[in-house]
Amino acid sequence: MTAVKNIPTVDLNDYTSGGGASRSGLIETLGEGLQEFGFLNVEGHGIDSSLIRGTYDLWQRFFALPDEVKRKYAGIEGGARGYTPFGVEHAKDNPLPDLKEFWHVGQEPPEGHPFRNEYPANVWPAELPEIKEPTLRLYSSLERVAENLLRALAEHFEMPRDAFSSMMDVGNSILRILHYPPVKPEHAPAVRAAAHEDINLITLLCEATDSGLEILTRDGEWMAVETGPGQIVVDAGDMLSRFTNEVIPATTHRVVNPAENAARDRYSMPFFVHPYSSCDLTIPERFTGPDNPPKYPPITAGQFLEQRLREIGLKK
């Protein structure tokens, strides 16, 4: 059964430019919304809609290329960069592959930065040289939005303002450009993206080209996520859940197959906000107590990521 209520919406301008009640209201709605739903819609984020739409248009041209061309860019750093073909990734504990193909773009630290050699270099399709500049511009714009949201979340918990945002400073964040091809009868019973939780701190999801995203509510019902024009969806991932001792749970979500007109494509661009690899995910005392002891042992973000990538089939 799919519920009809919707996730909360916040205007990021209330935090970045507002004051008093509007700023406090955003902080409260963000914190409580992530705790109750794990998902929110964000508007007033300052990313030009033409940048998002233009980036989508360019990547649609890439995914329309022949398979033999796209596969030239596959198998790079275990899928951390470049192209991952259709039917490779699967949800944790689900043997059926998701019905999608995608491209990964990662962090590009400046020359001389200590993380410069830690992250693999990005690769770009030679067939579309114009794709690089807007994609990197979108990447940096989404980093700015994520930083502000994480600062607001820290204020919700009355923690230092950079308690969460400092974790993503030159972090191992990934922009994933996703293509879900038309669903065919032989794909059954697989779905476009089986039920899962994201690995990272938070995810920013640029408005998709079609519906299908659903979340599992705390009441155990599937709820369709409705997003308005220009809005970005933010959701909480496993690393944030772990770091907050599940005060903010990671929300299970999926992308279901279209009920009608299955012969249509769907595109989306999630930005997975990751900490830098050596970031310590040990649970702070702020999220523990006599009745709520730490639920997880210490681990670094890099160790946790490696573990999860093996579980979903992107690393052997």
Protein backbone atom coordinates (compact mmCIF):
# COMPACT_ATOMS: atom_id res chain seq x y z
CA MET A 1 0.00 0.00 0.00
CA THR A 2 1.31 3.47 -0.90
CA ALA A 3 0.42 6.41 1.36
CA VAL A 4 -0.67 9.78 -0.05
CA LYS A 5 0.87 12.22 2.47
CA ASN A 6 4.08 13.98 1.50
CA ILE A 7 7.46 14.84 3.00
CA PRO A 8 8.12 18.32 4.47
CA THR A 9 9.53 21.17 2.39
CA VAL A 10 12.10 23.75 3.52
CA ASP A 11 13.35 26.91 1.86
CA LEU A 12 17.11 27.09 2.30
CA ASN A 13 16.97 30.88 1.98
CA ASP A 14 15.40 30.89 5.45
CA TYR A 15 18.74 29.63 6.76
CA THR A 16 21.27 31.34 4.49
CA SER A 17 19.56 34.74 4.26
CA GLY A 18 16.83 34.69 6.88
CA GLY A 19 16.89 35.38 10.57
CA GLY A 20 14.86 34.98 13.70
CA ALA A 21 11.76 32.83 13.37
CA SER A 22 12.29 31.83 9.73
CA ARG A 23 15.83 30.61 10.37
CA SER A 24 14.81 28.76 13.53
CA GLY A 25 11.85 27.26 11.68
CA LEU A 26 14.06 25.79 8.98
CA ILE A 27 16.45 24.29 11.54
CA GLU A 28 13.53 22.71 13.39
CA THR A 29 11.77 21.41 10.28
CA LEU A 30 15.02 19.98 8.88
CA GLY A 31 15.94 18.14 12.08
CA GLU A 32 12.46 16.86 12.84
CA GLY A 33 11.77 16.00 9.19
CA LEU A 34 14.90 13.86 8.91
CA GLN A 35 14.03 12.11 12.16
CA GLU A 36 10.41 11.42 11.16
CA PHE A 37 10.68 10.87 7.40
CA GLY A 38 14.38 10.77 6.57
CA PHE A 39 13.46 12.79 3.45
CA LEU A 40 12.66 16.47 2.76
CA ASN A 41 12.16 18.70 -0.26
CA VAL A 42 14.49 21.69 -0.47
CA GLU A 43 13.79 24.86 -2.43
CA GLY A 44 15.60 28.19 -2.40
CA HIS A 45 18.87 26.29 -2.86
CA GLY A 46 20.26 28.73 -5.42
CA ILE A 47 21.11 26.22 -8.15
CA ASP A 48 19.94 27.51 -11.52
CA SER A 49 17.35 25.20 -13.06
CA SER A 50 19.02 25.65 -16.45
CA LEU A 51 22.22 24.09 -15.08
CA ILE A 52 20.30 21.03 -13.88
CA ARG A 53 18.27 20.66 -17.06
CA GLY A 54 21.29 21.30 -19.29
CA THR A 55 23.33 18.67 -17.45
CA TYR A 56 20.50 16.17 -17.81
CA ASP A 57 20.30 16.90 -21.56
CA LEU A 58 24.02 16.25 -22.05
CA TRP A 59 24.01 12.98 -20.14
CA GLN A 60 20.94 11.77 -22.00
CA ARG A 61 23.04 12.11 -25.13
CA PHE A 62 25.75 9.97 -23.53
CA PHE A 63 23.37 7.19 -22.49
CA ALA A 64 21.96 7.13 -26.03
CA LEU A 65 25.40 6.09 -27.36
CA PRO A 66 25.93 2.44 -28.39
CA ASP A 67 26.78 0.00 -25.59
CA GLU A 68 30.22 -0.70 -27.03
CA VAL A 69 31.05 3.01 -26.78
CA LYS A 70 29.78 3.37 -23.21
CA ARG A 71 31.59 0.23 -22.05
CA LYS A 72 34.93 1.81 -22.95
CA TYR A 73 34.48 3.76 -19.71
CA ALA A 74 33.42 0.84 -17.49
CA GLY A 75 35.37 -1.00 -14.80
CA ILE A 76 37.29 2.05 -13.55
CA GLU A 77 38.28 1.87 -9.87
CA GLY A 78 35.56 -0.65 -9.11
CA GLY A 79 32.90 1.64 -10.50
CA ALA A 80 34.03 4.61 -8.41
CA ARG A 81 34.50 6.63 -11.60
CA GLY A 82 33.08 6.42 -15.09
CA TYR A 83 30.39 4.10 -16.38
CA THR A 84 28.60 1.18 -14.71
CA PRO A 85 26.57 -0.89 -17.21
CA PHE A 86 22.94 -1.92 -16.92
CA GLY A 87 22.23 -4.74 -14.46
CA VAL A 88 25.48 -4.59 -12.45
CA GLU A 89 24.49 -2.97 -9.14
CA HIS A 90 22.02 -4.59 -6.76
CA ALA A 91 20.59 -3.59 -3.40
CA LYS A 92 22.16 -5.04 -0.26
CA ASP A 93 20.85 -8.57 0.39
CA ASN A 94 18.94 -8.56 -2.93
CA PRO A 95 20.33 -10.90 -5.63
CA LEU A 96 18.33 -9.29 -8.45
CA PRO A 97 20.15 -6.47 -10.28
CA ASP A 98 18.59 -3.03 -10.46
CA LEU A 99 17.29 -1.89 -13.85
CA LYS A 100 19.70 1.00 -14.35
CA GLU A 101 23.03 2.19 -15.76
CA PHE A 102 25.00 5.15 -14.44
CA TRP A 103 28.11 7.34 -14.47
CA HIS A 104 30.11 8.47 -11.44
CA VAL A 105 31.87 11.82 -11.01
CA GLY A 106 33.96 12.36 -7.89
CA GLN A 107 35.99 14.87 -5.95
CA GLU A 108 38.85 16.69 -7.66
CA PRO A 109 41.16 18.03 -4.91
CA PRO A 110 43.48 20.87 -5.97
CA GLU A 111 47.17 20.32 -6.64
CA GLY A 112 49.11 19.91 -3.42
CA HIS A 113 46.10 18.85 -1.33
CA PRO A 114 46.80 15.81 0.89
CA PHE A 115 43.78 14.01 -0.63
CA ARG A 116 44.93 14.64 -4.21
CA ASN A 117 46.30 11.11 -4.63
CA GLU A 118 43.65 9.44 -2.46
CA TYR A 119 40.77 9.80 -4.91
CA PRO A 120 40.86 8.32 -8.42
CA ALA A 121 40.85 10.79 -11.28
CA ASN A 122 37.58 11.49 -13.05
CA VAL A 123 37.13 10.20 -16.58
CA TRP A 124 35.03 11.92 -19.22
CA PRO A 125 33.44 10.62 -22.43
CA ALA A 126 35.58 11.80 -25.34
CA GLU A 127 32.46 11.77 -27.52
CA LEU A 128 30.98 14.68 -25.51
CA PRO A 129 33.79 17.02 -24.40
CA GLU A 130 31.24 19.72 -23.49
CA ILE A 131 29.88 17.51 -20.68
CA LYS A 132 32.69 18.14 -18.18
CA GLU A 133 32.31 21.82 -17.27
CA PRO A 134 28.59 21.91 -16.37
CA THR A 135 28.82 18.58 -14.54
CA LEU A 136 31.65 19.83 -12.31
CA ARG A 137 29.79 23.11 -11.78
CA LEU A 138 26.73 21.18 -10.64
CA TYR A 139 28.94 19.05 -8.36
CA SER A 140 30.36 22.12 -6.60
CA SER A 141 26.91 23.73 -6.36
CA LEU A 142 25.49 20.64 -4.66
CA GLU A 143 28.43 20.63 -2.25
CA ARG A 144 27.50 24.15 -1.20
CA VAL A 145 23.86 23.17 -0.60
CA ALA A 146 24.90 20.08 1.40
CA GLU A 147 27.27 22.12 3.54
CA ASN A 148 24.52 24.55 4.51
CA LEU A 149 22.05 21.76 5.29
CA LEU A 150 24.57 19.96 7.50
CA ARG A 151 25.36 23.19 9.33
CA ALA A 152 21.67 23.71 10.01
CA LEU A 153 21.36 20.12 11.22
CA ALA A 154 24.22 20.63 13.69
CA GLU A 155 22.44 23.68 15.07
CA HIS A 156 19.30 21.58 15.51
CA PHE A 157 21.26 19.29 17.83
CA GLU A 158 22.98 22.28 19.53
CA MET A 159 26.36 21.04 18.35
CA PRO A 160 29.24 23.09 16.90
CA ARG A 161 28.10 24.47 13.55
CA ASP A 162 30.70 22.47 11.61
CA ALA A 163 30.14 19.18 13.48
CA PHE A 164 28.71 17.52 10.35
CA SER A 165 29.85 19.82 7.53
CA SER A 166 33.54 19.44 8.42
CA MET A 167 33.19 15.70 7.74
CA MET A 168 32.46 16.39 4.06
CA ASP A 169 35.28 18.92 3.56
CA VAL A 170 37.05 17.65 0.40
CA GLY A 171 35.15 14.43 1.10
CA ASN A 172 34.67 11.40 -1.10
CA SER A 173 31.34 12.65 -2.46
CA ILE A 174 29.92 11.22 -5.68
CA LEU A 175 27.59 12.67 -8.30
CA ARG A 176 25.78 9.77 -9.94
CA ILE A 177 24.02 10.34 -13.24
CA LEU A 178 21.41 7.60 -13.54
CA HIS A 179 19.53 6.24 -16.54
CA TYR A 180 16.64 3.83 -16.07
CA PRO A 181 15.79 2.44 -19.55
CA PRO A 182 12.24 1.45 -20.49
CA VAL A 183 11.08 -1.58 -18.49
CA LYS A 184 10.58 -4.76 -20.51
CA PRO A 185 8.55 -7.88 -19.58
CA GLU A 186 11.70 -9.99 -19.36
CA HIS A 187 13.00 -7.76 -16.56
CA ALA A 188 10.37 -9.05 -14.10
CA PRO A 189 10.46 -9.33 -11.13
CA ALA A 190 13.37 -6.85 -10.88
CA VAL A 191 12.64 -3.16 -10.28
CA ARG A 192 14.43 0.02 -11.24
CA ALA A 193 15.99 0.33 -7.78
CA ALA A 194 15.16 -2.21 -5.09
CA ALA A 195 14.55 -1.14 -1.49
CA HIS A 196 17.78 0.16 0.08
CA GLU A 197 19.35 2.83 2.27
CA ASP A 198 22.06 5.16 1.03
CA ILE A 199 25.58 4.58 2.35
CA ASN A 200 26.64 8.18 2.94
CA LEU A 201 25.83 11.13 5.24
CA ILE A 202 23.06 12.74 3.18
CA THR A 203 22.00 12.54 -0.45
CA LEU A 204 20.82 15.45 -2.57
CA LEU A 205 18.61 14.32 -5.43
CA CYS A 206 18.07 16.72 -8.31
CA GLU A 207 14.50 16.67 -9.60
CA ALA A 208 14.14 13.45 -11.61
CA THR A 209 12.62 13.37 -15.08
CA ASP A 210 9.85 10.99 -13.99
CA SER A 211 8.12 9.72 -10.86
CA GLY A 212 8.75 6.39 -9.14
CA LEU A 213 10.63 7.30 -5.93
CA GLU A 214 9.02 5.90 -2.78
CA ILE A 215 10.08 5.84 0.88
CA LEU A 216 9.18 3.39 3.63
CA THR A 217 7.60 5.41 6.43
CA ARG A 218 8.21 4.77 10.13
CA ASP A 219 4.74 3.19 10.11
CA GLY A 220 5.87 0.60 7.57
CA GLU A 221 3.95 2.00 4.58
CA TRP A 222 5.38 2.92 1.18
CA MET A 223 4.88 6.60 0.40
CA ALA A 224 5.41 8.22 -3.01
CA VAL A 225 7.73 11.23 -2.91
CA GLU A 226 6.27 14.18 -4.77
CA THR A 227 8.74 16.90 -5.77
CA GLY A 228 7.85 20.31 -7.15
CA PRO A 229 9.60 22.01 -10.08
CA GLY A 230 13.17 22.96 -9.15
CA GLN A 231 13.10 21.27 -5.76
CA ILE A 232 15.92 19.03 -4.53
CA VAL A 233 15.22 16.04 -2.29
CA VAL A 234 17.53 15.50 0.71
CA ASP A 235 17.67 12.18 2.54
CA ALA A 236 19.66 10.70 5.41
CA GLY A 237 22.09 7.86 4.79
CA ASP A 238 23.66 5.08 6.82
CA MET A 239 26.73 7.06 7.87
CA LEU A 240 24.61 9.84 9.39
CA SER A 241 22.39 7.25 11.05
CA ARG A 242 25.43 5.47 12.48
CA PHE A 243 27.08 8.70 13.67
CA THR A 244 23.87 9.86 15.41
CA ASN A 245 23.31 6.42 16.99
CA GLU A 246 20.12 6.12 14.89
CA VAL A 247 18.62 9.30 16.32
CA ILE A 248 18.29 10.04 12.60
CA PRO A 249 17.51 6.68 11.01
CA ALA A 250 18.48 5.97 7.42
CA THR A 251 15.25 5.72 5.46
CA THR A 252 14.58 2.78 3.17
CA HIS A 253 13.57 3.87 -0.32
CA ARG A 254 13.12 2.45 -3.80
CA VAL A 255 12.33 3.39 -7.39
CA VAL A 256 9.38 1.39 -8.65
CA ASN A 257 8.63 0.47 -12.25
CA PRO A 258 6.05 2.65 -14.01
CA ALA A 259 2.55 1.21 -13.85
CA GLU A 260 1.70 2.59 -17.30
CA ASN A 261 3.65 3.64 -20.36
CA ALA A 262 6.57 1.47 -19.30
CA ALA A 263 8.36 2.26 -22.57
CA ARG A 264 9.76 5.52 -21.21
CA ASP A 265 13.15 6.41 -19.79
CA ARG A 266 13.82 7.91 -16.37
CA TYR A 267 16.86 9.99 -15.43
CA SER A 268 17.98 11.21 -12.02
CA MET A 269 21.11 12.75 -10.48
CA PRO A 270 21.74 11.89 -6.81
CA PHE A 271 24.68 13.60 -5.10
CA PHE A 272 25.99 11.25 -2.41
CA VAL A 273 27.66 13.35 0.30
CA HIS A 274 30.52 11.32 1.78
CA PRO A 275 33.07 12.19 4.46
CA TYR A 276 36.78 12.04 3.70
CA SER A 277 38.01 8.45 4.06
CA SER A 278 39.84 8.81 7.40
CA CYS A 279 36.85 10.55 9.04
CA ASP A 280 36.06 8.92 12.38
CA LEU A 281 32.43 7.77 12.61
CA THR A 282 32.64 7.00 16.34
CA ILE A 283 29.34 8.02 17.93
CA PRO A 284 29.62 11.29 19.95
CA GLU A 285 28.43 11.35 23.55
CA ARG A 286 25.71 13.79 22.43
CA PHE A 287 23.82 10.80 20.96
CA THR A 288 24.35 8.27 23.77
CA GLY A 289 23.19 7.86 27.34
CA PRO A 290 22.36 5.29 30.05
CA ASP A 291 19.25 4.22 28.12
CA ASN A 292 20.84 4.58 24.70
CA PRO A 293 24.33 3.04 24.60
CA PRO A 294 26.36 3.16 21.37
CA LYS A 295 24.87 0.75 18.83
CA TYR A 296 27.98 0.52 16.65
CA PRO A 297 31.74 0.10 17.20
CA PRO A 298 34.19 2.76 15.94
CA ILE A 299 34.93 2.72 12.21
CA THR A 300 36.25 5.17 9.63
CA ALA A 301 34.17 6.38 6.71
CA GLY A 302 36.55 4.69 4.28
CA GLN A 303 36.28 1.32 6.02
CA PHE A 304 32.49 1.53 6.11
CA LEU A 305 32.31 2.49 2.43
CA GLU A 306 34.51 -0.44 1.36
CA GLN A 307 32.28 -2.83 3.30
CA ARG A 308 29.09 -1.54 1.73
CA LEU A 309 30.46 -1.41 -1.84
CA ARG A 310 31.20 -5.13 -1.60
CA GLU A 311 27.67 -5.78 -0.34
CA ILE A 312 26.05 -4.08 -3.34
CA GLY A 313 28.26 -5.63 -6.01
CA LEU A 314 30.44 -2.67 -7.01
CA LYS A 315 33.59 -4.18 -5.47
CA LYS A 316 34.69 -7.78 -5.29
